[in-house]
């Protein structure tokens, strides 16, 4: 049960970081000029280092499967870790334009 709780905490930290990064990208794009807006997607590539937080959480979720922990907790940890990875990989900030 300890591994699942650690995975949940790491996933929530990753989701918080992903949301704050997406908001910063959106806010920066709003204040950017024409040339900067054209190359703004490159700034998104620099933020992909934080995907390792979600990957770590996903690995801990897999370990909790082998430890035969509670199934509901495992599903929660897997979904949170995948969500934290997707929030960083997808360019959600473009949806708000």
PDB file of N, CA and C in Angstrom:
ATOM      1  N   UNK A   1       0.823  -1.197   0.000  1.00  0.00           N
ATOM      2  CA  UNK A   1       0.000   0.000   0.000  1.00  0.00           C
ATOM      3  C   UNK A   1       0.866   1.260   0.000  1.00  0.00           C
ATOM      4  N   UNK A   2       2.071   1.153   0.532  1.00  0.00           N
ATOM      5  CA  UNK A   2       2.959   2.307   0.591  1.00  0.00           C
ATOM      6  C   UNK A   2       3.405   2.749  -0.799  1.00  0.00           C
ATOM      7  N   UNK A   3       3.673   1.796  -1.672  1.00  0.00           N
ATOM      8  CA  UNK A   3       4.121   2.132  -3.028  1.00  0.00           C
ATOM      9  C   UNK A   3       3.013   2.848  -3.790  1.00  0.00           C
ATOM     10  N   UNK A   4       1.782   2.425  -3.606  1.00  0.00           N
ATOM     11  CA  UNK A   4       0.659   3.077  -4.277  1.00  0.00           C
ATOM     12  C   UNK A   4       0.486   4.505  -3.783  1.00  0.00           C
ATOM     13  N   UNK A   5       0.634   4.711  -2.501  1.00  0.00           N
ATOM     14  CA  UNK A   5       0.497   6.071  -1.964  1.00  0.00           C
ATOM     15  C   UNK A   5       1.610   6.977  -2.475  1.00  0.00           C
ATOM     16  N   UNK A   6       2.810   6.456  -2.548  1.00  0.00           N
ATOM     17  CA  UNK A   6       3.924   7.238  -3.094  1.00  0.00           C
ATOM     18  C   UNK A   6       3.654   7.575  -4.559  1.00  0.00           C
ATOM     19  N   UNK A   7       3.121   6.614  -5.297  1.00  0.00           N
ATOM     20  CA  UNK A   7       2.803   6.837  -6.700  1.00  0.00           C
ATOM     21  C   UNK A   7       1.717   7.895  -6.859  1.00  0.00           C
ATOM     22  N   UNK A   8       0.717   7.874  -5.994  1.00  0.00           N
ATOM     23  CA  UNK A   8      -0.347   8.885  -6.053  1.00  0.00           C
ATOM     24  C   UNK A   8       0.221  10.273  -5.771  1.00  0.00           C
ATOM     25  N   UNK A   9       1.070  10.374  -4.781  1.00  0.00           N
ATOM     26  CA  UNK A   9       1.655  11.668  -4.433  1.00  0.00           C
ATOM     27  C   UNK A   9       2.527  12.195  -5.579  1.00  0.00           C
ATOM     28  N   UNK A  10       3.333  11.316  -6.156  1.00  0.00           N
ATOM     29  CA  UNK A  10       4.186  11.730  -7.269  1.00  0.00           C
ATOM     30  C   UNK A  10       3.329  12.138  -8.471  1.00  0.00           C
ATOM     31  N   UNK A  11       2.244  11.408  -8.730  1.00  0.00           N
ATOM     32  CA  UNK A  11       1.358  11.752  -9.837  1.00  0.00           C
ATOM     33  C   UNK A  11       0.704  13.106  -9.623  1.00  0.00           C
ATOM     34  N   UNK A  12       0.244  13.368  -8.413  1.00  0.00           N
ATOM     35  CA  UNK A  12      -0.385  14.656  -8.131  1.00  0.00           C
ATOM     36  C   UNK A  12       0.609  15.806  -8.266  1.00  0.00           C
ATOM     37  N   UNK A  13       1.839  15.582  -7.855  1.00  0.00           N
ATOM     38  CA  UNK A  13       2.883  16.596  -8.043  1.00  0.00           C
ATOM     39  C   UNK A  13       3.121  16.816  -9.538  1.00  0.00           C
ATOM     40  N   UNK A  14       3.164  15.734 -10.301  1.00  0.00           N
ATOM     41  CA  UNK A  14       3.353  15.847 -11.746  1.00  0.00           C
ATOM     42  C   UNK A  14       2.206  16.563 -12.429  1.00  0.00           C
ATOM     43  N   UNK A  15       0.974  16.305 -11.990  1.00  0.00           N
ATOM     44  CA  UNK A  15      -0.186  16.983 -12.568  1.00  0.00           C
ATOM     45  C   UNK A  15      -0.143  18.475 -12.245  1.00  0.00           C
ATOM     46  N   UNK A  16       0.226  18.804 -11.013  1.00  0.00           N
ATOM     47  CA  UNK A  16       0.333  20.212 -10.632  1.00  0.00           C
ATOM     48  C   UNK A  16       1.396  20.925 -11.464  1.00  0.00           C
ATOM     49  N   UNK A  17       2.533  20.293 -11.642  1.00  0.00           N
ATOM     50  CA  UNK A  17       3.602  20.885 -12.454  1.00  0.00           C
ATOM     51  C   UNK A  17       3.151  21.036 -13.899  1.00  0.00           C
ATOM     52  N   UNK A  18       2.454  20.029 -14.424  1.00  0.00           N
ATOM     53  CA  UNK A  18       1.993  20.081 -15.815  1.00  0.00           C
ATOM     54  C   UNK A  18       0.996  21.214 -16.023  1.00  0.00           C
ATOM     55  N   UNK A  19       0.080  21.380 -15.081  1.00  0.00           N
ATOM     56  CA  UNK A  19      -0.913  22.447 -15.215  1.00  0.00           C
ATOM     57  C   UNK A  19      -0.241  23.816 -15.122  1.00  0.00           C
ATOM     58  N   UNK A  20       0.704  23.953 -14.220  1.00  0.00           N
ATOM     59  CA  UNK A  20       1.385  25.241 -14.110  1.00  0.00           C
ATOM     60  C   UNK A  20       2.228  25.536 -15.353  1.00  0.00           C
ATOM     61  N   UNK A  21       2.857  24.528 -15.930  1.00  0.00           N
ATOM     62  CA  UNK A  21       3.634  24.723 -17.158  1.00  0.00           C
ATOM     63  C   UNK A  21       2.712  25.107 -18.307  1.00  0.00           C
ATOM     64  N   UNK A  22       1.587  24.423 -18.426  1.00  0.00           N
ATOM     65  CA  UNK A  22       0.641  24.735 -19.496  1.00  0.00           C
ATOM     66  C   UNK A  22       0.109  26.163 -19.357  1.00  0.00           C
ATOM     67  N   UNK A  23      -0.163  26.573 -18.131  1.00  0.00           N
ATOM     68  CA  UNK A  23      -0.645  27.937 -17.914  1.00  0.00           C
ATOM     69  C   UNK A  23       0.438  28.957 -18.262  1.00  0.00           C
ATOM     70  N   UNK A  24       1.674  28.691 -17.883  1.00  0.00           N
ATOM     71  CA  UNK A  24       2.772  29.603 -18.213  1.00  0.00           C
ATOM     72  C   UNK A  24       2.983  29.704 -19.724  1.00  0.00           C
ATOM     73  N   UNK A  25       2.858  28.570 -20.422  1.00  0.00           N
ATOM     74  CA  UNK A  25       2.978  28.598 -21.874  1.00  0.00           C
ATOM     75  C   UNK A  25       1.857  29.422 -22.499  1.00  0.00           C
ATOM     76  N   UNK A  26       0.643  29.259 -22.008  1.00  0.00           N
ATOM     77  CA  UNK A  26      -0.491  30.016 -22.518  1.00  0.00           C
ATOM     78  C   UNK A  26      -0.310  31.501 -22.248  1.00  0.00           C
ATOM     79  N   UNK A  27       0.093  31.839 -21.037  1.00  0.00           N
ATOM     80  CA  UNK A  27       0.272  33.238 -20.662  1.00  0.00           C
ATOM     81  C   UNK A  27       1.403  33.875 -21.467  1.00  0.00           C
ATOM     82  N   UNK A  28       2.491  33.150 -21.669  1.00  0.00           N
ATOM     83  CA  UNK A  28       3.597  33.670 -22.462  1.00  0.00           C
ATOM     84  C   UNK A  28       3.237  33.846 -23.918  1.00  0.00           C
ATOM     85  N   UNK A  29       2.423  32.958 -24.441  1.00  0.00           N
ATOM     86  CA  UNK A  29       2.003  33.067 -25.841  1.00  0.00           C
ATOM     87  C   UNK A  29       1.115  34.282 -26.047  1.00  0.00           C
ATOM     88  N   UNK A  30       0.293  34.592 -25.064  1.00  0.00           N
ATOM     89  CA  UNK A  30      -0.593  35.744 -25.171  1.00  0.00           C
ATOM     90  C   UNK A  30       0.182  37.055 -25.243  1.00  0.00           C
ATOM     91  N   UNK A  31       1.316  37.120 -24.563  1.00  0.00           N
ATOM     92  CA  UNK A  31       2.091  38.355 -24.537  1.00  0.00           C
ATOM     93  C   UNK A  31       3.176  38.395 -25.614  1.00  0.00           C
ATOM     94  N   UNK A  32       3.344  37.318 -26.370  1.00  0.00           N
ATOM     95  CA  UNK A  32       4.404  37.247 -27.389  1.00  0.00           C
ATOM     96  C   UNK A  32       3.991  37.985 -28.660  1.00  0.00           C
ATOM     97  N   UNK A  33       4.985  38.396 -29.421  1.00  0.00           N
ATOM     98  CA  UNK A  33       4.735  39.050 -30.706  1.00  0.00           C
ATOM     99  C   UNK A  33       4.739  38.010 -31.823  1.00  0.00           C
ATOM    100  N   UNK A  34       4.637  38.467 -33.066  1.00  0.00           N
ATOM    101  CA  UNK A  34       4.476  37.584 -34.217  1.00  0.00           C
ATOM    102  C   UNK A  34       5.573  36.559 -34.405  1.00  0.00           C
ATOM    103  N   UNK A  35       6.836  36.994 -34.426  1.00  0.00           N
ATOM    104  CA  UNK A  35       7.943  36.053 -34.637  1.00  0.00           C
ATOM    105  C   UNK A  35       8.054  35.082 -33.471  1.00  0.00           C
ATOM    106  N   UNK A  36       7.852  35.577 -32.290  1.00  0.00           N
ATOM    107  CA  UNK A  36       7.952  34.727 -31.106  1.00  0.00           C
ATOM    108  C   UNK A  36       6.822  33.706 -31.089  1.00  0.00           C
ATOM    109  N   UNK A  37       5.635  34.108 -31.504  1.00  0.00           N
ATOM    110  CA  UNK A  37       4.510  33.173 -31.546  1.00  0.00           C
ATOM    111  C   UNK A  37       4.747  32.064 -32.555  1.00  0.00           C
ATOM    112  N   UNK A  38       5.417  32.378 -33.650  1.00  0.00           N
ATOM    113  CA  UNK A  38       5.681  31.368 -34.684  1.00  0.00           C
ATOM    114  C   UNK A  38       6.584  30.257 -34.175  1.00  0.00           C
ATOM    115  N   UNK A  39       7.520  30.586 -33.307  1.00  0.00           N
ATOM    116  CA  UNK A  39       8.458  29.591 -32.791  1.00  0.00           C
ATOM    117  C   UNK A  39       8.151  29.178 -31.357  1.00  0.00           C
ATOM    118  N   UNK A  40       6.953  29.466 -30.891  1.00  0.00           N
ATOM    119  CA  UNK A  40       6.641  29.224 -29.487  1.00  0.00           C
ATOM    120  C   UNK A  40       6.521  27.740 -29.150  1.00  0.00           C
ATOM    121  N   UNK A  41       6.242  26.909 -30.135  1.00  0.00           N
ATOM    122  CA  UNK A  41       6.155  25.475 -29.895  1.00  0.00           C
ATOM    123  C   UNK A  41       7.467  24.856 -29.464  1.00  0.00           C
ATOM    124  N   UNK A  42       8.571  25.504 -29.828  1.00  0.00           N
ATOM    125  CA  UNK A  42       9.883  25.002 -29.414  1.00  0.00           C
ATOM    126  C   UNK A  42      10.086  25.127 -27.913  1.00  0.00           C
ATOM    127  N   UNK A  43       9.457  26.127 -27.316  1.00  0.00           N
ATOM    128  CA  UNK A  43       9.562  26.289 -25.871  1.00  0.00           C
ATOM    129  C   UNK A  43       8.886  25.120 -25.156  1.00  0.00           C
ATOM    130  N   UNK A  44       7.858  24.561 -25.794  1.00  0.00           N
ATOM    131  CA  UNK A  44       7.161  23.411 -25.215  1.00  0.00           C
ATOM    132  C   UNK A  44       8.096  22.204 -25.112  1.00  0.00           C
ATOM    133  N   UNK A  45       9.005  22.073 -26.055  1.00  0.00           N
ATOM    134  CA  UNK A  45       9.932  20.934 -26.039  1.00  0.00           C
ATOM    135  C   UNK A  45      10.860  20.964 -24.832  1.00  0.00           C
ATOM    136  N   UNK A  46      11.148  22.146 -24.335  1.00  0.00           N
ATOM    137  CA  UNK A  46      12.028  22.268 -23.171  1.00  0.00           C
ATOM    138  C   UNK A  46      11.344  21.787 -21.885  1.00  0.00           C
ATOM    139  N   UNK A  47      10.036  21.735 -21.898  1.00  0.00           N
ATOM    140  CA  UNK A  47       9.293  21.351 -20.706  1.00  0.00           C
ATOM    141  C   UNK A  47       9.114  19.836 -20.593  1.00  0.00           C
ATOM    142  N   UNK A  48       9.516  19.096 -21.591  1.00  0.00           N
ATOM    143  CA  UNK A  48       9.287  17.653 -21.604  1.00  0.00           C
ATOM    144  C   UNK A  48      10.165  16.889 -20.619  1.00  0.00           C
ATOM    145  N   UNK A  49      11.112  17.555 -19.996  1.00  0.00           N
ATOM    146  CA  UNK A  49      11.941  16.885 -18.997  1.00  0.00           C
ATOM    147  C   UNK A  49      11.119  16.428 -17.798  1.00  0.00           C
ATOM    148  N   UNK A  50      10.016  17.092 -17.559  1.00  0.00           N
ATOM    149  CA  UNK A  50       9.183  16.761 -16.411  1.00  0.00           C
ATOM    150  C   UNK A  50       8.342  15.502 -16.622  1.00  0.00           C
ATOM    151  N   UNK A  51       8.406  14.924 -17.818  1.00  0.00           N
ATOM    152  CA  UNK A  51       7.680  13.679 -18.091  1.00  0.00           C
ATOM    153  C   UNK A  51       8.214  12.551 -17.220  1.00  0.00           C
ATOM    154  N   UNK A  52       9.458  12.664 -16.787  1.00  0.00           N
ATOM    155  CA  UNK A  52      10.053  11.615 -15.960  1.00  0.00           C
ATOM    156  C   UNK A  52       9.343  11.477 -14.614  1.00  0.00           C
ATOM    157  N   UNK A  53       8.694  12.526 -14.161  1.00  0.00           N
ATOM    158  CA  UNK A  53       7.897  12.426 -12.927  1.00  0.00           C
ATOM    159  C   UNK A  53       6.739  11.460 -13.152  1.00  0.00           C
ATOM    160  N   UNK A  54       6.040  11.618 -14.265  1.00  0.00           N
ATOM    161  CA  UNK A  54       4.937  10.714 -14.588  1.00  0.00           C
ATOM    162  C   UNK A  54       5.404   9.302 -14.875  1.00  0.00           C
ATOM    163  N   UNK A  55       6.552   9.178 -15.516  1.00  0.00           N
ATOM    164  CA  UNK A  55       7.095   7.850 -15.808  1.00  0.00           C
ATOM    165  C   UNK A  55       7.487   7.141 -14.523  1.00  0.00           C
ATOM    166  N   UNK A  56       8.058   7.882 -13.571  1.00  0.00           N
ATOM    167  CA  UNK A  56       8.397   7.299 -12.271  1.00  0.00           C
ATOM    168  C   UNK A  56       7.151   6.810 -11.560  1.00  0.00           C
ATOM    169  N   UNK A  57       6.104   7.607 -11.602  1.00  0.00           N
ATOM    170  CA  UNK A  57       4.844   7.202 -10.983  1.00  0.00           C
ATOM    171  C   UNK A  57       4.258   5.971 -11.673  1.00  0.00           C
ATOM    172  N   UNK A  58       4.374   5.924 -12.994  1.00  0.00           N
ATOM    173  CA  UNK A  58       3.872   4.766 -13.736  1.00  0.00           C
ATOM    174  C   UNK A  58       4.641   3.504 -13.366  1.00  0.00           C
ATOM    175  N   UNK A  59       5.949   3.618 -13.225  1.00  0.00           N
ATOM    176  CA  UNK A  59       6.765   2.461 -12.835  1.00  0.00           C
ATOM    177  C   UNK A  59       6.388   1.987 -11.434  1.00  0.00           C
ATOM    178  N   UNK A  60       6.153   2.934 -10.529  1.00  0.00           N
ATOM    179  CA  UNK A  60       5.721   2.551  -9.180  1.00  0.00           C
ATOM    180  C   UNK A  60       4.346   1.874  -9.206  1.00  0.00           C
ATOM    181  N   UNK A  61       3.486   2.309 -10.121  1.00  0.00           N
ATOM    182  CA  UNK A  61       2.182   1.656 -10.264  1.00  0.00           C
ATOM    183  C   UNK A  61       2.338   0.216 -10.745  1.00  0.00           C
ATOM    184  N   UNK A  62       3.249   0.000 -11.667  1.00  0.00           N
ATOM    185  CA  UNK A  62       3.513  -1.356 -12.152  1.00  0.00           C
ATOM    186  C   UNK A  62       4.073  -2.224 -11.029  1.00  0.00           C
ATOM    187  N   UNK A  63       4.946  -1.651 -10.215  1.00  0.00           N
ATOM    188  CA  UNK A  63       5.497  -2.401  -9.076  1.00  0.00           C
ATOM    189  C   UNK A  63       4.389  -2.760  -8.092  1.00  0.00           C
ATOM    190  N   UNK A  64       3.434  -1.851  -7.895  1.00  0.00           N
ATOM    191  CA  UNK A  64       2.339  -2.145  -6.967  1.00  0.00           C
ATOM    192  C   UNK A  64       1.425  -3.243  -7.505  1.00  0.00           C
ATOM    193  N   UNK A  65       1.385  -3.421  -8.822  1.00  0.00           N
ATOM    194  CA  UNK A  65       0.625  -4.543  -9.386  1.00  0.00           C
ATOM    195  C   UNK A  65       1.279  -5.856  -8.979  1.00  0.00           C
ATOM    196  N   UNK A  66       2.606  -5.911  -9.084  1.00  0.00           N
ATOM    197  CA  UNK A  66       3.307  -7.137  -8.720  1.00  0.00           C
ATOM    198  C   UNK A  66       3.284  -7.402  -7.223  1.00  0.00           C
ATOM    199  N   UNK A  67       3.116  -6.358  -6.423  1.00  0.00           N
ATOM    200  CA  UNK A  67       3.009  -6.533  -4.976  1.00  0.00           C
ATOM    201  C   UNK A  67       1.599  -6.923  -4.549  1.00  0.00           C
ATOM    202  N   UNK A  68       0.676  -7.006  -5.519  1.00  0.00           N
ATOM    203  CA  UNK A  68      -0.717  -7.414  -5.301  1.00  0.00           C
ATOM    204  C   UNK A  68      -1.421  -6.486  -4.306  1.00  0.00           C
ATOM    205  N   UNK A  69      -1.344  -5.198  -4.587  1.00  0.00           N
ATOM    206  CA  UNK A  69      -2.030  -4.223  -3.747  1.00  0.00           C
ATOM    207  C   UNK A  69      -3.480  -4.106  -4.196  1.00  0.00           C
ATOM    208  N   UNK A  70      -4.221  -3.230  -3.569  1.00  0.00           N
ATOM    209  CA  UNK A  70      -5.643  -3.055  -3.831  1.00  0.00           C
ATOM    210  C   UNK A  70      -5.864  -2.650  -5.293  1.00  0.00           C
ATOM    211  N   UNK A  71      -6.824  -3.307  -5.960  1.00  0.00           N
ATOM    212  CA  UNK A  71      -7.057  -3.089  -7.381  1.00  0.00           C
ATOM    213  C   UNK A  71      -7.537  -1.666  -7.658  1.00  0.00           C
ATOM    214  N   UNK A  72      -8.410  -1.121  -6.818  1.00  0.00           N
ATOM    215  CA  UNK A  72      -8.894   0.241  -7.026  1.00  0.00           C
ATOM    216  C   UNK A  72      -7.766   1.255  -6.911  1.00  0.00           C
ATOM    217  N   UNK A  73      -6.878   1.031  -5.989  1.00  0.00           N
ATOM    218  CA  UNK A  73      -5.747   1.928  -5.817  1.00  0.00           C
ATOM    219  C   UNK A  73      -4.803   1.840  -7.011  1.00  0.00           C
ATOM    220  N   UNK A  74      -4.616   0.648  -7.522  1.00  0.00           N
ATOM    221  CA  UNK A  74      -3.749   0.461  -8.691  1.00  0.00           C
ATOM    222  C   UNK A  74      -4.332   1.180  -9.905  1.00  0.00           C
ATOM    223  N   UNK A  75      -5.633   1.062 -10.111  1.00  0.00           N
ATOM    224  CA  UNK A  75      -6.277   1.740 -11.231  1.00  0.00           C
ATOM    225  C   UNK A  75      -6.156   3.251 -11.072  1.00  0.00           C
ATOM    226  N   UNK A  76      -6.318   3.742  -9.849  1.00  0.00           N
ATOM    227  CA  UNK A  76      -6.171   5.173  -9.587  1.00  0.00           C
ATOM    228  C   UNK A  76      -4.751   5.647  -9.886  1.00  0.00           C
ATOM    229  N   UNK A  77      -3.765   4.892  -9.428  1.00  0.00           N
ATOM    230  CA  UNK A  77      -2.380   5.308  -9.650  1.00  0.00           C
ATOM    231  C   UNK A  77      -2.009   5.259 -11.131  1.00  0.00           C
ATOM    232  N   UNK A  78      -2.467   4.237 -11.828  1.00  0.00           N
ATOM    233  CA  UNK A  78      -2.182   4.156 -13.260  1.00  0.00           C
ATOM    234  C   UNK A  78      -2.828   5.302 -14.026  1.00  0.00           C
ATOM    235  N   UNK A  79      -4.072   5.610 -13.706  1.00  0.00           N
ATOM    236  CA  UNK A  79      -4.749   6.691 -14.427  1.00  0.00           C
ATOM    237  C   UNK A  79      -4.131   8.053 -14.110  1.00  0.00           C
ATOM    238  N   UNK A  80      -3.742   8.282 -12.860  1.00  0.00           N
ATOM    239  CA  UNK A  80      -3.108   9.547 -12.515  1.00  0.00           C
ATOM    240  C   UNK A  80      -1.744   9.697 -13.173  1.00  0.00           C
ATOM    241  N   UNK A  81      -0.996   8.615 -13.235  1.00  0.00           N
ATOM    242  CA  UNK A  81       0.325   8.706 -13.864  1.00  0.00           C
ATOM    243  C   UNK A  81       0.208   8.934 -15.364  1.00  0.00           C
ATOM    244  N   UNK A  82      -0.734   8.278 -16.015  1.00  0.00           N
ATOM    245  CA  UNK A  82      -0.938   8.498 -17.449  1.00  0.00           C
ATOM    246  C   UNK A  82      -1.432   9.926 -17.693  1.00  0.00           C
ATOM    247  N   UNK A  83      -2.307  10.412 -16.826  1.00  0.00           N
ATOM    248  CA  UNK A  83      -2.790  11.787 -16.959  1.00  0.00           C
ATOM    249  C   UNK A  83      -1.656  12.800 -16.811  1.00  0.00           C
ATOM    250  N   UNK A  84      -0.774  12.569 -15.863  1.00  0.00           N
ATOM    251  CA  UNK A  84       0.340  13.509 -15.681  1.00  0.00           C
ATOM    252  C   UNK A  84       1.280  13.496 -16.876  1.00  0.00           C
ATOM    253  N   UNK A  85       1.448  12.347 -17.514  1.00  0.00           N
ATOM    254  CA  UNK A  85       2.284  12.277 -18.714  1.00  0.00           C
ATOM    255  C   UNK A  85       1.595  12.983 -19.885  1.00  0.00           C
ATOM    256  N   UNK A  86       0.310  12.727 -20.052  1.00  0.00           N
ATOM    257  CA  UNK A  86      -0.418  13.315 -21.174  1.00  0.00           C
ATOM    258  C   UNK A  86      -0.530  14.830 -21.062  1.00  0.00           C
ATOM    259  N   UNK A  87      -0.682  15.330 -19.850  1.00  0.00           N
ATOM    260  CA  UNK A  87      -0.777  16.780 -19.682  1.00  0.00           C
ATOM    261  C   UNK A  87       0.504  17.485 -20.084  1.00  0.00           C
ATOM    262  N   UNK A  88       1.613  16.814 -19.976  1.00  0.00           N
ATOM    263  CA  UNK A  88       2.878  17.415 -20.391  1.00  0.00           C
ATOM    264  C   UNK A  88       3.155  17.233 -21.874  1.00  0.00           C
ATOM    265  N   UNK A  89       2.791  16.096 -22.417  1.00  0.00           N
ATOM    266  CA  UNK A  89       3.111  15.809 -23.807  1.00  0.00           C
ATOM    267  C   UNK A  89       2.186  16.565 -24.760  1.00  0.00           C
ATOM    268  N   UNK A  90       0.894  16.585 -24.435  1.00  0.00           N
ATOM    269  CA  UNK A  90      -0.054  17.282 -25.294  1.00  0.00           C
ATOM    270  C   UNK A  90       0.041  18.782 -25.064  1.00  0.00           C
ATOM    271  N   UNK A  91      -0.217  19.537 -26.085  1.00  0.00           N
ATOM    272  CA  UNK A  91      -0.161  20.990 -25.981  1.00  0.00           C
ATOM    273  C   UNK A  91      -1.549  21.527 -25.633  1.00  0.00           C
ATOM    274  N   UNK A  92      -1.917  21.390 -24.380  1.00  0.00           N
ATOM    275  CA  UNK A  92      -3.245  21.780 -23.903  1.00  0.00           C
ATOM    276  C   UNK A  92      -3.426  23.295 -23.983  1.00  0.00           C
ATOM    277  N   UNK A  93      -2.355  24.038 -23.835  1.00  0.00           N
ATOM    278  CA  UNK A  93      -2.462  25.497 -23.817  1.00  0.00           C
ATOM    279  C   UNK A  93      -2.986  26.051 -25.127  1.00  0.00           C
ATOM    280  N   UNK A  94      -2.850  25.320 -26.221  1.00  0.00           N
ATOM    281  CA  UNK A  94      -3.361  25.782 -27.517  1.00  0.00           C
ATOM    282  C   UNK A  94      -4.889  25.728 -27.573  1.00  0.00           C
ATOM    283  N   UNK A  95      -5.505  24.934 -26.725  1.00  0.00           N
ATOM    284  CA  UNK A  95      -6.958  24.835 -26.719  1.00  0.00           C
ATOM    285  C   UNK A  95      -7.626  26.100 -26.200  1.00  0.00           C
ATOM    286  N   UNK A  96      -6.899  26.886 -25.412  1.00  0.00           N
ATOM    287  CA  UNK A  96      -7.470  28.074 -24.808  1.00  0.00           C
ATOM    288  C   UNK A  96      -7.357  29.322 -25.683  1.00  0.00           C
ATOM    289  N   UNK A  97      -6.744  29.188 -26.861  1.00  0.00           N
ATOM    290  CA  UNK A  97      -6.571  30.340 -27.744  1.00  0.00           C
ATOM    291  C   UNK A  97      -7.822  30.667 -28.491  1.00  0.00           C
TER     292      UNK A  97
END
